[in-house]
């Protein structure tokens, strides 16, 4: 059984940083491109960032480049999302995603999803 388990979310103040983690099990982790998506209340789920199976290349949406960075440790079956200078617009449920054959940028092509972790940015 494949599982993606996110952690690291919480309530933070504007300007703070967080690191989300996603631990995978039940799959050959190094074969998957990993991504993060987020969904704010009343909005569609949107792509945040992705990282290739080897970790050699990352991609983030333009609006988040410079604040959000992605990394992975294939030895630990874990992908990380580092989020800096958080603001209230970053408040959302954040989901880890594994894509066996694609770029992990399109929600309808994702192979496996995590259950999500809530990030709330508020003063």
N, C-alpha and C. Protein backbone atom coordinates (compact mmCIF):
# COMPACT_ATOMS: atom_id res chain seq x y z
N UNK A 1 0.83 -1.19 0.00
CA UNK A 1 0.00 0.00 0.00
C UNK A 1 0.88 1.25 0.00
N UNK A 2 0.62 2.12 -0.94
CA UNK A 2 1.40 3.34 -1.05
C UNK A 2 0.87 4.39 -0.09
N UNK A 3 1.79 5.03 0.60
CA UNK A 3 1.41 6.14 1.49
C UNK A 3 2.38 7.29 1.31
N UNK A 4 1.82 8.48 1.29
CA UNK A 4 2.59 9.72 1.35
C UNK A 4 2.09 10.46 2.57
N UNK A 5 2.99 10.71 3.51
CA UNK A 5 2.58 11.32 4.77
C UNK A 5 3.31 12.64 4.95
N UNK A 6 2.53 13.72 4.93
CA UNK A 6 3.09 15.05 5.11
C UNK A 6 3.15 15.43 6.59
N UNK A 7 4.07 16.29 6.90
CA UNK A 7 4.16 16.85 8.25
C UNK A 7 4.86 18.20 8.17
N UNK A 8 4.80 18.94 9.27
CA UNK A 8 5.51 20.21 9.35
C UNK A 8 4.64 21.44 9.23
N UNK A 9 3.36 21.25 8.95
CA UNK A 9 2.48 22.40 8.87
C UNK A 9 2.17 22.97 10.24
N UNK A 10 1.46 24.09 10.25
CA UNK A 10 1.09 24.69 11.51
C UNK A 10 0.70 26.14 11.34
N UNK A 11 0.58 26.82 12.46
CA UNK A 11 0.23 28.24 12.50
C UNK A 11 1.51 29.04 12.70
N UNK A 12 1.76 29.95 11.78
CA UNK A 12 2.94 30.80 11.87
C UNK A 12 2.55 32.24 11.61
N UNK A 13 3.47 33.15 11.92
CA UNK A 13 3.23 34.57 11.69
C UNK A 13 3.81 34.99 10.34
N UNK A 14 3.29 36.06 9.78
CA UNK A 14 3.87 36.57 8.53
C UNK A 14 5.36 36.81 8.66
N UNK A 15 6.10 36.38 7.64
CA UNK A 15 7.55 36.53 7.65
C UNK A 15 8.29 35.30 8.16
N UNK A 16 7.57 34.40 8.80
CA UNK A 16 8.19 33.18 9.31
C UNK A 16 8.49 32.19 8.20
N UNK A 17 9.20 31.14 8.56
CA UNK A 17 9.53 30.05 7.63
C UNK A 17 8.99 28.74 8.17
N UNK A 18 8.77 27.82 7.25
CA UNK A 18 8.37 26.46 7.60
C UNK A 18 9.04 25.50 6.64
N UNK A 19 9.26 24.28 7.12
CA UNK A 19 9.70 23.22 6.24
C UNK A 19 8.72 22.07 6.33
N UNK A 20 8.08 21.78 5.23
CA UNK A 20 7.19 20.63 5.15
C UNK A 20 7.98 19.41 4.71
N UNK A 21 7.60 18.27 5.25
CA UNK A 21 8.21 17.00 4.87
C UNK A 21 7.13 16.05 4.36
N UNK A 22 7.53 15.18 3.47
CA UNK A 22 6.63 14.15 2.97
C UNK A 22 7.42 12.86 2.88
N UNK A 23 6.99 11.88 3.67
CA UNK A 23 7.65 10.58 3.68
C UNK A 23 6.80 9.59 2.90
N UNK A 24 7.43 8.90 1.97
CA UNK A 24 6.71 7.94 1.13
C UNK A 24 7.06 6.51 1.52
N UNK A 25 6.09 5.64 1.35
CA UNK A 25 6.31 4.22 1.56
C UNK A 25 5.46 3.44 0.57
N UNK A 26 5.89 2.21 0.32
CA UNK A 26 5.12 1.35 -0.57
C UNK A 26 5.37 1.57 -2.05
N UNK A 27 6.35 2.39 -2.38
CA UNK A 27 6.69 2.62 -3.78
C UNK A 27 8.21 2.74 -3.91
N UNK A 28 8.67 2.64 -5.15
CA UNK A 28 10.10 2.83 -5.41
C UNK A 28 10.33 4.32 -5.59
N UNK A 29 10.68 4.95 -4.50
CA UNK A 29 10.68 6.42 -4.40
C UNK A 29 11.51 7.08 -5.49
N UNK A 30 12.66 6.52 -5.79
CA UNK A 30 13.60 7.17 -6.72
C UNK A 30 13.07 7.17 -8.16
N UNK A 31 11.99 6.46 -8.41
CA UNK A 31 11.41 6.42 -9.75
C UNK A 31 10.37 7.52 -9.98
N UNK A 32 10.06 8.27 -8.95
CA UNK A 32 8.96 9.22 -9.03
C UNK A 32 9.45 10.66 -9.02
N UNK A 33 8.82 11.46 -9.85
CA UNK A 33 8.92 12.90 -9.72
C UNK A 33 7.97 13.30 -8.60
N UNK A 34 8.42 14.17 -7.73
CA UNK A 34 7.61 14.58 -6.59
C UNK A 34 7.20 16.04 -6.72
N UNK A 35 6.03 16.33 -6.22
CA UNK A 35 5.55 17.70 -6.28
C UNK A 35 4.77 18.07 -5.04
N UNK A 36 4.55 19.37 -4.91
CA UNK A 36 3.68 19.90 -3.86
C UNK A 36 2.61 20.75 -4.53
N UNK A 37 1.40 20.58 -4.03
CA UNK A 37 0.27 21.40 -4.44
C UNK A 37 -0.31 22.02 -3.18
N UNK A 38 -1.14 23.02 -3.37
CA UNK A 38 -1.83 23.61 -2.23
C UNK A 38 -3.25 23.99 -2.62
N UNK A 39 -4.10 24.03 -1.63
CA UNK A 39 -5.49 24.40 -1.85
C UNK A 39 -5.97 25.28 -0.72
N UNK A 40 -6.32 26.49 -1.07
CA UNK A 40 -6.86 27.43 -0.10
C UNK A 40 -8.38 27.28 -0.07
N UNK A 41 -9.02 27.69 1.02
CA UNK A 41 -10.47 27.59 1.11
C UNK A 41 -11.17 28.28 -0.05
N UNK A 42 -12.06 27.57 -0.71
CA UNK A 42 -12.81 28.14 -1.80
C UNK A 42 -12.08 28.25 -3.11
N UNK A 43 -10.88 27.71 -3.16
CA UNK A 43 -10.09 27.81 -4.38
C UNK A 43 -9.72 26.41 -4.89
N UNK A 44 -9.31 26.37 -6.14
CA UNK A 44 -8.86 25.10 -6.72
C UNK A 44 -7.48 24.73 -6.20
N UNK A 45 -7.19 23.46 -6.28
CA UNK A 45 -5.85 23.00 -5.92
C UNK A 45 -4.88 23.51 -6.97
N UNK A 46 -3.75 24.06 -6.53
CA UNK A 46 -2.79 24.63 -7.46
C UNK A 46 -1.41 24.05 -7.23
N UNK A 47 -0.68 23.96 -8.33
CA UNK A 47 0.68 23.47 -8.29
C UNK A 47 1.59 24.48 -7.61
N UNK A 48 2.53 23.96 -6.81
CA UNK A 48 3.49 24.81 -6.12
C UNK A 48 4.90 24.60 -6.67
N UNK A 49 5.39 23.37 -6.60
CA UNK A 49 6.76 23.09 -7.01
C UNK A 49 6.92 21.59 -7.24
N UNK A 50 7.96 21.24 -8.00
CA UNK A 50 8.24 19.83 -8.26
C UNK A 50 9.74 19.60 -8.33
N UNK A 51 10.11 18.32 -8.18
CA UNK A 51 11.52 17.95 -8.23
C UNK A 51 11.62 16.61 -8.95
N UNK A 52 12.61 16.51 -9.82
CA UNK A 52 12.77 15.29 -10.61
C UNK A 52 13.19 14.11 -9.74
N UNK A 53 13.12 12.92 -10.31
CA UNK A 53 13.37 11.71 -9.54
C UNK A 53 14.77 11.67 -8.92
N UNK A 54 15.74 12.22 -9.64
CA UNK A 54 17.11 12.23 -9.12
C UNK A 54 17.37 13.39 -8.18
N UNK A 55 16.46 14.36 -8.20
CA UNK A 55 16.67 15.58 -7.42
C UNK A 55 17.53 16.60 -8.14
N UNK A 56 17.88 16.32 -9.38
CA UNK A 56 18.78 17.20 -10.09
C UNK A 56 18.15 18.46 -10.63
N UNK A 57 16.83 18.48 -10.68
CA UNK A 57 16.16 19.64 -11.24
C UNK A 57 14.88 19.92 -10.47
N UNK A 58 14.64 21.19 -10.20
CA UNK A 58 13.42 21.60 -9.52
C UNK A 58 12.71 22.66 -10.34
N UNK A 59 11.43 22.78 -10.07
CA UNK A 59 10.62 23.76 -10.77
C UNK A 59 9.60 24.31 -9.79
N UNK A 60 9.41 25.62 -9.82
CA UNK A 60 8.41 26.25 -8.97
C UNK A 60 7.66 27.29 -9.78
N UNK A 61 6.44 27.55 -9.39
CA UNK A 61 5.69 28.59 -10.08
C UNK A 61 6.40 29.92 -9.89
N UNK A 62 6.28 30.78 -10.88
CA UNK A 62 7.03 32.04 -10.88
C UNK A 62 6.78 32.86 -9.62
N UNK A 63 5.55 32.89 -9.17
CA UNK A 63 5.20 33.73 -8.03
C UNK A 63 5.84 33.27 -6.73
N UNK A 64 6.33 32.03 -6.69
CA UNK A 64 6.90 31.48 -5.46
C UNK A 64 8.41 31.29 -5.55
N UNK A 65 8.95 31.47 -6.72
CA UNK A 65 10.40 31.31 -6.87
C UNK A 65 11.12 32.31 -5.97
N UNK A 66 12.16 31.84 -5.34
CA UNK A 66 12.91 32.68 -4.43
C UNK A 66 12.45 32.56 -2.99
N UNK A 67 11.21 32.12 -2.79
CA UNK A 67 10.71 31.91 -1.42
C UNK A 67 10.55 30.43 -1.08
N UNK A 68 10.13 29.65 -2.05
CA UNK A 68 9.89 28.23 -1.83
C UNK A 68 10.97 27.42 -2.54
N UNK A 69 11.57 26.48 -1.83
CA UNK A 69 12.55 25.59 -2.43
C UNK A 69 12.24 24.15 -2.09
N UNK A 70 12.60 23.27 -2.99
CA UNK A 70 12.27 21.86 -2.89
C UNK A 70 13.55 21.04 -2.88
N UNK A 71 13.55 20.00 -2.07
CA UNK A 71 14.67 19.07 -2.07
C UNK A 71 14.15 17.68 -1.74
N UNK A 72 14.97 16.69 -1.97
CA UNK A 72 14.56 15.32 -1.66
C UNK A 72 15.76 14.52 -1.20
N UNK A 73 15.46 13.51 -0.41
CA UNK A 73 16.48 12.58 0.05
C UNK A 73 15.98 11.19 -0.33
N UNK A 74 16.52 10.64 -1.39
CA UNK A 74 16.04 9.34 -1.86
C UNK A 74 16.40 8.22 -0.89
N UNK A 75 17.42 8.44 -0.09
CA UNK A 75 17.77 7.43 0.90
C UNK A 75 16.77 7.35 2.04
N UNK A 76 16.03 8.45 2.24
CA UNK A 76 15.03 8.51 3.32
C UNK A 76 13.61 8.52 2.78
N UNK A 77 13.46 8.38 1.46
CA UNK A 77 12.12 8.42 0.85
C UNK A 77 11.35 9.67 1.25
N UNK A 78 12.04 10.78 1.27
CA UNK A 78 11.45 12.02 1.78
C UNK A 78 11.69 13.17 0.82
N UNK A 79 10.66 13.99 0.68
CA UNK A 79 10.77 15.24 -0.08
C UNK A 79 10.41 16.38 0.87
N UNK A 80 11.11 17.49 0.69
CA UNK A 80 10.95 18.64 1.59
C UNK A 80 10.54 19.87 0.78
N UNK A 81 9.72 20.69 1.40
CA UNK A 81 9.37 21.99 0.85
C UNK A 81 9.72 23.05 1.88
N UNK A 82 10.70 23.83 1.56
CA UNK A 82 11.10 24.92 2.45
C UNK A 82 10.39 26.19 2.00
N UNK A 83 9.68 26.82 2.92
CA UNK A 83 8.90 28.01 2.60
C UNK A 83 9.39 29.16 3.47
N UNK A 84 9.86 30.20 2.83
CA UNK A 84 10.38 31.36 3.53
C UNK A 84 9.48 32.57 3.33
N UNK A 85 9.62 33.53 4.24
CA UNK A 85 8.88 34.80 4.16
C UNK A 85 7.39 34.54 3.88
N UNK A 86 6.81 33.70 4.68
CA UNK A 86 5.41 33.35 4.49
C UNK A 86 4.51 34.56 4.70
N UNK A 87 3.43 34.58 3.94
CA UNK A 87 2.44 35.64 4.09
C UNK A 87 1.05 35.01 4.13
N UNK A 88 0.05 35.77 4.52
CA UNK A 88 -1.30 35.18 4.67
C UNK A 88 -1.83 34.51 3.40
N UNK A 89 -1.37 34.96 2.23
CA UNK A 89 -1.82 34.35 0.99
C UNK A 89 -1.28 32.93 0.80
N UNK A 90 -0.33 32.55 1.62
CA UNK A 90 0.20 31.19 1.56
C UNK A 90 -0.63 30.21 2.40
N UNK A 91 -1.61 30.72 3.11
CA UNK A 91 -2.47 29.86 3.91
C UNK A 91 -3.23 28.89 3.02
N UNK A 92 -3.05 27.61 3.30
CA UNK A 92 -3.68 26.58 2.46
C UNK A 92 -3.39 25.21 3.05
N UNK A 93 -4.07 24.22 2.50
CA UNK A 93 -3.72 22.84 2.78
C UNK A 93 -2.68 22.45 1.73
N UNK A 94 -1.56 21.90 2.18
CA UNK A 94 -0.46 21.56 1.28
C UNK A 94 -0.40 20.04 1.10
N UNK A 95 -0.35 19.63 -0.16
CA UNK A 95 -0.38 18.22 -0.49
C UNK A 95 0.91 17.79 -1.20
N UNK A 96 1.40 16.66 -0.80
CA UNK A 96 2.52 16.02 -1.48
C UNK A 96 1.96 15.14 -2.59
N UNK A 97 2.69 15.07 -3.71
CA UNK A 97 2.21 14.29 -4.85
C UNK A 97 3.35 13.54 -5.51
N UNK A 98 3.08 12.34 -5.94
CA UNK A 98 4.08 11.52 -6.63
C UNK A 98 3.58 11.20 -8.03
N UNK A 99 4.43 11.43 -8.99
CA UNK A 99 4.06 11.23 -10.39
C UNK A 99 5.04 10.26 -11.03
N UNK A 100 4.55 9.09 -11.44
CA UNK A 100 5.45 8.06 -11.97
C UNK A 100 5.97 8.39 -13.35
N UNK A 101 5.16 9.02 -14.19
CA UNK A 101 5.56 9.18 -15.58
C UNK A 101 5.58 10.63 -16.07
N UNK A 102 5.13 11.55 -15.25
CA UNK A 102 5.04 12.93 -15.72
C UNK A 102 5.89 13.87 -14.89
N UNK A 103 5.50 15.13 -14.95
CA UNK A 103 6.27 16.21 -14.34
C UNK A 103 5.82 16.58 -12.94
N UNK A 104 4.74 15.97 -12.48
CA UNK A 104 4.16 16.29 -11.16
C UNK A 104 3.67 17.73 -11.09
N UNK A 105 3.31 18.30 -12.23
CA UNK A 105 2.82 19.68 -12.24
C UNK A 105 1.32 19.75 -12.52
N UNK A 106 0.73 18.69 -12.99
CA UNK A 106 -0.69 18.68 -13.33
C UNK A 106 -1.43 17.75 -12.37
N UNK A 107 -2.41 18.30 -11.65
CA UNK A 107 -3.04 17.52 -10.60
C UNK A 107 -3.73 16.29 -11.14
N UNK A 108 -4.23 16.34 -12.38
CA UNK A 108 -4.96 15.20 -12.91
C UNK A 108 -4.05 14.10 -13.46
N UNK A 109 -2.75 14.29 -13.38
CA UNK A 109 -1.80 13.27 -13.83
C UNK A 109 -1.03 12.65 -12.67
N UNK A 110 -1.35 13.08 -11.46
CA UNK A 110 -0.64 12.57 -10.29
C UNK A 110 -1.00 11.12 -10.03
N UNK A 111 0.01 10.33 -9.70
CA UNK A 111 -0.22 8.92 -9.40
C UNK A 111 -0.70 8.71 -7.97
N UNK A 112 -0.04 9.36 -7.03
CA UNK A 112 -0.38 9.22 -5.62
C UNK A 112 -0.39 10.58 -4.93
N UNK A 113 -1.32 10.72 -3.99
CA UNK A 113 -1.45 11.94 -3.18
C UNK A 113 -1.25 11.62 -1.71
N UNK A 114 -0.71 12.59 -0.99
CA UNK A 114 -0.74 12.53 0.46
C UNK A 114 -2.04 13.10 0.97
N UNK A 115 -2.20 13.05 2.30
CA UNK A 115 -3.46 13.51 2.89
C UNK A 115 -3.45 15.00 3.18
N UNK A 116 -2.29 15.60 3.11
CA UNK A 116 -2.19 17.05 3.26
C UNK A 116 -1.84 17.48 4.66
N UNK A 117 -1.32 18.71 4.74
CA UNK A 117 -1.01 19.32 6.02
C UNK A 117 -1.38 20.79 5.93
N UNK A 118 -1.98 21.31 7.00
CA UNK A 118 -2.48 22.68 6.98
C UNK A 118 -1.36 23.66 7.34
N UNK A 119 -1.27 24.70 6.55
CA UNK A 119 -0.38 25.83 6.84
C UNK A 119 -1.24 27.07 6.97
N UNK A 120 -1.14 27.73 8.11
CA UNK A 120 -1.90 28.95 8.35
C UNK A 120 -0.93 30.06 8.72
N UNK A 121 -1.01 31.15 7.98
CA UNK A 121 -0.14 32.30 8.22
C UNK A 121 -1.02 33.45 8.69
N UNK A 122 -0.83 33.82 9.93
CA UNK A 122 -1.68 34.85 10.51
C UNK A 122 -0.98 35.51 11.67
N UNK A 123 -1.25 36.80 11.81
CA UNK A 123 -0.70 37.52 12.96
C UNK A 123 -1.70 37.52 14.11
